């Protein structure tokens, strides 16, 4: 189903660098930059999440995706809400944040527990989280995650490997739903752990690292056009080849104390940051 492009032709001397020069998107206005800066510095953010800003670059990433305070944004499978803590205050007054979370009817206990934890987070006092709208993203092609052509932005952070684990057809359904939810001219922002060249689909699923060309292929198959790439979240220290895949690195550190200092020194994973447009 997916067009696996030749990795060697797409890569420069670095195994992660992209040969093509990125096309930079329009810059945010000074007013919108300041609103984003204030959202990243919001007092409602947990200190644990703030400490990871150095690895996740939220201000630069959301600026690259062109998120503005009056947008309708769908955050896909937001997990515990790391980005929700930033997007919610940014969109609180003029925009809308829709969290397309796990299906409450899922057979997967982890999904149900994660959703319940997220719902409890939204009830935190004095946090600007009370206007977040909840929807469902599952693999039912007949169940949209948002009203058709209602969103200015759809954003997903480190989720593509999960959809591939469910199956190639399921992963494509997800990208199709992104396309359906966006307005014409709306944009899809993707951050994902980046695999080395030549890695098989099975290795991607096992490791959590996904080939950049595969992500682009799925988006294009759904109808998107690649608008831009950014090095914001790349980490050249990450070889993307670890005993427990991406979960070897922080924040998971699945090996516990084994080589802990080494993995902490590498930091979080090398990640692609891609921007697509629905024409």
Protein backbone atom coordinates (compact mmCIF):
# COMPACT_ATOMS: atom_id res chain seq x y z
CA UNK A 1 0.00 0.00 0.00
CA UNK A 2 2.78 2.42 0.89
CA UNK A 3 5.44 3.63 -1.52
CA UNK A 4 8.79 2.87 0.14
CA UNK A 5 11.19 5.29 -1.52
CA UNK A 6 14.86 4.53 -1.95
CA UNK A 7 16.54 5.71 1.24
CA UNK A 8 19.98 6.21 -0.22
CA UNK A 9 18.75 8.61 -2.87
CA UNK A 10 16.86 10.68 -0.33
CA UNK A 11 19.67 11.05 2.19
CA UNK A 12 22.79 13.18 2.27
CA UNK A 13 26.06 12.24 3.99
CA UNK A 14 24.26 12.11 7.33
CA UNK A 15 22.01 9.09 7.76
CA UNK A 16 19.33 11.43 9.03
CA UNK A 17 19.83 14.60 6.96
CA UNK A 18 17.51 15.24 4.03
CA UNK A 19 19.19 16.21 0.78
CA UNK A 20 16.43 18.54 -0.32
CA UNK A 21 16.40 22.06 1.06
CA UNK A 22 13.30 22.68 3.19
CA UNK A 23 10.70 25.18 2.03
CA UNK A 24 10.14 27.47 4.99
CA UNK A 25 6.53 28.23 5.90
CA UNK A 26 5.26 31.75 6.55
CA UNK A 27 6.50 33.18 9.83
CA UNK A 28 4.10 34.00 12.66
CA UNK A 29 3.33 37.65 13.28
CA UNK A 30 5.04 39.31 16.24
CA UNK A 31 1.72 39.26 18.09
CA UNK A 32 1.25 35.54 17.50
CA UNK A 33 4.86 34.78 18.43
CA UNK A 34 4.32 36.51 21.76
CA UNK A 35 1.08 34.60 22.37
CA UNK A 36 2.91 31.33 21.72
CA UNK A 37 5.78 32.35 23.98
CA UNK A 38 3.35 33.10 26.79
CA UNK A 39 1.59 29.76 26.30
CA UNK A 40 4.88 27.87 26.54
CA UNK A 41 5.61 29.83 29.72
CA UNK A 42 2.14 29.23 31.17
CA UNK A 43 2.02 28.74 34.92
CA UNK A 44 -0.41 25.86 34.37
CA UNK A 45 2.30 23.61 32.94
CA UNK A 46 3.73 20.90 35.17
CA UNK A 47 7.39 21.32 36.11
CA UNK A 48 8.11 17.80 34.83
CA UNK A 49 6.89 18.76 31.38
CA UNK A 50 8.72 22.09 31.38
CA UNK A 51 11.99 20.27 32.08
CA UNK A 52 11.63 18.44 28.74
CA UNK A 53 11.36 21.61 26.64
CA UNK A 54 15.06 21.39 25.79
CA UNK A 55 14.42 18.10 23.99
CA UNK A 56 11.00 18.89 22.47
CA UNK A 57 11.38 22.55 21.43
CA UNK A 58 7.66 23.35 21.73
CA UNK A 59 7.85 27.04 20.86
CA UNK A 60 9.90 26.47 17.70
CA UNK A 61 7.84 23.41 16.70
CA UNK A 62 4.44 25.10 17.02
CA UNK A 63 5.78 28.20 15.26
CA UNK A 64 6.97 25.98 12.40
CA UNK A 65 3.50 24.46 12.21
CA UNK A 66 2.06 27.98 12.09
CA UNK A 67 -0.39 27.53 14.97
CA UNK A 68 -2.26 30.79 15.66
CA UNK A 69 -4.46 31.73 18.64
CA UNK A 70 -7.70 31.78 16.62
CA UNK A 71 -7.18 28.38 14.99
CA UNK A 72 -9.19 25.21 15.44
CA UNK A 73 -6.54 22.61 16.24
CA UNK A 74 -6.93 18.85 16.53
CA UNK A 75 -4.25 17.31 18.74
CA UNK A 76 -4.13 13.62 17.91
CA UNK A 77 -3.71 10.98 20.63
CA UNK A 78 -2.39 13.53 23.14
CA UNK A 79 -1.47 10.89 25.72
CA UNK A 80 -0.92 12.53 29.08
CA UNK A 81 -1.26 16.01 27.59
CA UNK A 82 2.28 17.33 27.24
CA UNK A 83 1.37 19.56 24.29
CA UNK A 84 -2.16 20.11 25.55
CA UNK A 85 -0.73 22.18 28.42
CA UNK A 86 0.63 24.60 25.80
CA UNK A 87 -2.08 24.48 23.16
CA UNK A 88 -4.96 24.97 25.60
CA UNK A 89 -3.88 28.41 26.88
CA UNK A 90 -2.76 29.45 23.39
CA UNK A 91 -6.23 28.75 21.95
CA UNK A 92 -8.25 29.53 25.07
CA UNK A 93 -9.71 32.91 24.12
CA UNK A 94 -10.12 32.83 20.34
CA UNK A 95 -9.52 29.30 19.14
CA UNK A 96 -10.62 25.72 19.75
CA UNK A 97 -8.56 22.74 20.86
CA UNK A 98 -9.96 19.30 20.07
CA UNK A 99 -8.16 16.37 21.68
CA UNK A 100 -8.72 13.30 19.49
CA UNK A 101 -7.91 10.74 22.17
CA UNK A 102 -8.30 6.98 22.55
CA UNK A 103 -11.64 5.26 22.14
CA UNK A 104 -13.33 4.81 25.55
CA UNK A 105 -14.82 1.59 24.18
CA UNK A 106 -11.41 0.19 23.18
CA UNK A 107 -10.52 -3.38 24.11
CA UNK A 108 -7.05 -2.12 25.07
CA UNK A 109 -6.92 -1.40 28.80
CA UNK A 110 -3.99 0.99 28.39
CA UNK A 111 -6.07 3.13 26.00
CA UNK A 112 -8.98 3.34 28.42
CA UNK A 113 -6.71 4.13 31.39
CA UNK A 114 -4.81 6.78 29.43
CA UNK A 115 -8.02 8.50 28.40
CA UNK A 116 -9.32 8.53 31.97
CA UNK A 117 -6.02 10.00 33.18
CA UNK A 118 -6.21 12.69 30.51
CA UNK A 119 -9.78 13.55 31.50
CA UNK A 120 -8.66 13.96 35.11
CA UNK A 121 -5.87 16.28 33.94
CA UNK A 122 -8.41 18.49 32.18
CA UNK A 123 -10.16 19.00 35.51
CA UNK A 124 -7.12 20.53 37.20
CA UNK A 125 -8.04 23.89 38.78
CA UNK A 126 -6.55 27.14 37.45
CA UNK A 127 -5.08 25.48 34.37
CA UNK A 128 -6.86 26.84 31.23
CA UNK A 129 -7.82 23.28 30.34
CA UNK A 130 -11.57 23.53 30.84
CA UNK A 131 -12.35 24.40 27.20
CA UNK A 132 -10.58 21.43 25.62
CA UNK A 133 -13.06 19.40 23.55
CA UNK A 134 -12.72 15.62 23.42
CA UNK A 135 -13.22 13.43 20.37
CA UNK A 136 -12.15 9.92 19.38
CA UNK A 137 -9.56 8.72 16.91
CA UNK A 138 -9.93 5.02 16.18
CA UNK A 139 -9.56 2.84 13.10
CA UNK A 140 -13.22 2.88 12.10
CA UNK A 141 -13.21 4.62 8.70
CA UNK A 142 -16.84 5.67 9.23
CA UNK A 143 -16.14 7.54 12.50
CA UNK A 144 -14.54 10.97 11.88
CA UNK A 145 -12.31 12.48 14.55
CA UNK A 146 -13.73 15.97 13.89
CA UNK A 147 -16.32 17.65 11.72
CA UNK A 148 -15.32 17.51 8.04
CA UNK A 149 -13.20 20.48 6.93
CA UNK A 150 -13.42 22.12 10.35
CA UNK A 151 -9.77 22.26 11.45
CA UNK A 152 -7.00 24.70 10.62
CA UNK A 153 -4.32 22.40 11.98
CA UNK A 154 -4.03 18.70 12.81
CA UNK A 155 -0.99 17.91 14.97
CA UNK A 156 0.49 14.55 15.94
CA UNK A 157 3.55 14.02 18.11
CA UNK A 158 5.33 10.64 18.12
CA UNK A 159 2.31 8.50 17.21
CA UNK A 160 2.89 7.11 13.71
CA UNK A 161 4.68 3.99 14.98
CA UNK A 162 1.61 3.14 17.07
CA UNK A 163 -0.67 3.22 14.03
CA UNK A 164 1.75 1.08 12.02
CA UNK A 165 1.71 -1.43 14.88
CA UNK A 166 -2.03 -1.76 14.37
CA UNK A 167 -1.51 -2.44 10.65
CA UNK A 168 -0.76 -0.66 7.39
CA UNK A 169 -4.43 -0.28 6.50
CA UNK A 170 -5.21 1.16 9.94
CA UNK A 171 -2.35 3.66 9.67
CA UNK A 172 -3.65 4.86 6.31
CA UNK A 173 -7.16 5.26 7.72
CA UNK A 174 -5.69 7.62 10.32
CA UNK A 175 -4.05 9.84 7.69
CA UNK A 176 -7.26 9.81 5.66
CA UNK A 177 -9.11 11.09 8.75
CA UNK A 178 -6.57 13.90 9.11
CA UNK A 179 -7.25 14.98 5.55
CA UNK A 180 -11.02 14.86 6.01
CA UNK A 181 -10.89 16.98 9.19
CA UNK A 182 -8.82 19.81 7.69
CA UNK A 183 -10.16 22.80 5.82
CA UNK A 184 -8.79 23.38 2.31
CA UNK A 185 -5.48 25.11 2.97
CA UNK A 186 -5.28 23.53 6.42
CA UNK A 187 -2.04 21.94 7.53
CA UNK A 188 -0.89 18.70 9.13
CA UNK A 189 2.11 18.82 11.47
CA UNK A 190 3.93 15.57 12.21
CA UNK A 191 6.71 14.87 14.70
CA UNK A 192 7.94 11.27 14.74
CA UNK A 193 10.98 9.22 15.75
CA UNK A 194 13.15 8.88 12.64
CA UNK A 195 14.51 5.51 11.51
CA UNK A 196 17.85 4.93 9.84
CA UNK A 197 17.97 4.31 6.11
CA UNK A 198 17.01 0.83 4.94
CA UNK A 199 15.06 -0.25 8.02
CA UNK A 200 12.20 -2.68 7.36
CA UNK A 201 8.61 -2.07 8.39
CA UNK A 202 8.91 -4.83 10.98
CA UNK A 203 11.96 -3.13 12.50
CA UNK A 204 10.12 0.18 12.58
CA UNK A 205 7.24 -1.37 14.50
CA UNK A 206 9.59 -3.08 16.94
CA UNK A 207 11.86 -0.08 17.51
CA UNK A 208 9.37 2.81 17.36
CA UNK A 209 11.52 4.58 14.75
CA UNK A 210 9.78 5.21 11.39
CA UNK A 211 11.26 5.99 7.97
CA UNK A 212 10.63 9.59 6.96
CA UNK A 213 9.83 8.56 3.40
CA UNK A 214 7.12 6.22 4.68
CA UNK A 215 5.43 9.00 6.65
CA UNK A 216 5.52 11.25 3.59
CA UNK A 217 4.12 8.44 1.44
CA UNK A 218 1.16 7.84 3.78
CA UNK A 219 0.37 11.56 3.92
CA UNK A 220 0.57 11.90 0.15
CA UNK A 221 -1.63 8.85 -0.33
CA UNK A 222 -4.25 10.59 1.81
CA UNK A 223 -4.07 13.64 -0.48
CA UNK A 224 -1.56 15.89 1.30
CA UNK A 225 1.32 17.78 -0.25
CA UNK A 226 4.61 18.04 1.65
CA UNK A 227 5.11 21.73 2.34
CA UNK A 228 8.21 21.81 4.51
CA UNK A 229 10.63 19.91 6.73
CA UNK A 230 12.53 21.23 9.73
CA UNK A 231 15.61 20.11 11.68
CA UNK A 232 14.13 21.51 14.91
CA UNK A 233 13.80 18.13 16.62
CA UNK A 234 16.70 16.24 15.11
CA UNK A 235 19.28 14.68 17.44
CA UNK A 236 22.48 13.56 15.66
CA UNK A 237 23.60 11.82 18.86
CA UNK A 238 20.83 9.26 18.47
CA UNK A 239 21.86 6.24 16.37
CA UNK A 240 18.24 4.96 16.38
CA UNK A 241 19.66 1.52 17.17
CA UNK A 242 19.09 0.57 20.81
CA UNK A 243 18.29 -2.68 22.68
CA UNK A 244 14.75 -1.56 23.57
CA UNK A 245 14.19 0.70 20.60
CA UNK A 246 13.27 4.32 21.19
CA UNK A 247 12.11 3.41 24.70
CA UNK A 248 15.75 2.84 25.66
CA UNK A 249 16.21 6.61 25.68
CA UNK A 250 14.69 9.16 28.05
CA UNK A 251 12.08 9.73 29.19
CA UNK A 252 11.24 5.99 29.31
CA UNK A 253 14.73 4.57 30.01
CA UNK A 254 13.41 1.02 29.77
CA UNK A 255 16.78 -0.53 30.72
CA UNK A 256 16.63 1.11 34.14
CA UNK A 257 20.09 1.71 35.56
CA UNK A 258 21.86 -0.22 32.79
CA UNK A 259 23.96 2.32 30.82
CA UNK A 260 21.67 4.99 32.22
CA UNK A 261 24.25 7.80 32.07
CA UNK A 262 25.00 6.96 28.44
CA UNK A 263 21.36 7.13 27.37
CA UNK A 264 20.75 10.28 29.34
CA UNK A 265 23.69 11.88 27.55
CA UNK A 266 22.13 11.01 24.17
CA UNK A 267 18.87 12.65 25.18
CA UNK A 268 15.49 12.07 23.56
CA UNK A 269 15.16 10.54 20.10
CA UNK A 270 16.09 11.96 16.72
CA UNK A 271 12.80 13.16 15.22
CA UNK A 272 11.50 14.28 11.87
CA UNK A 273 9.34 17.42 11.85
CA UNK A 274 7.14 17.60 8.76
CA UNK A 275 4.50 20.06 7.58
CA UNK A 276 1.87 19.07 5.00
CA UNK A 277 -0.91 21.06 3.37
CA UNK A 278 -4.38 20.15 2.11
CA UNK A 279 -4.75 22.07 -1.14
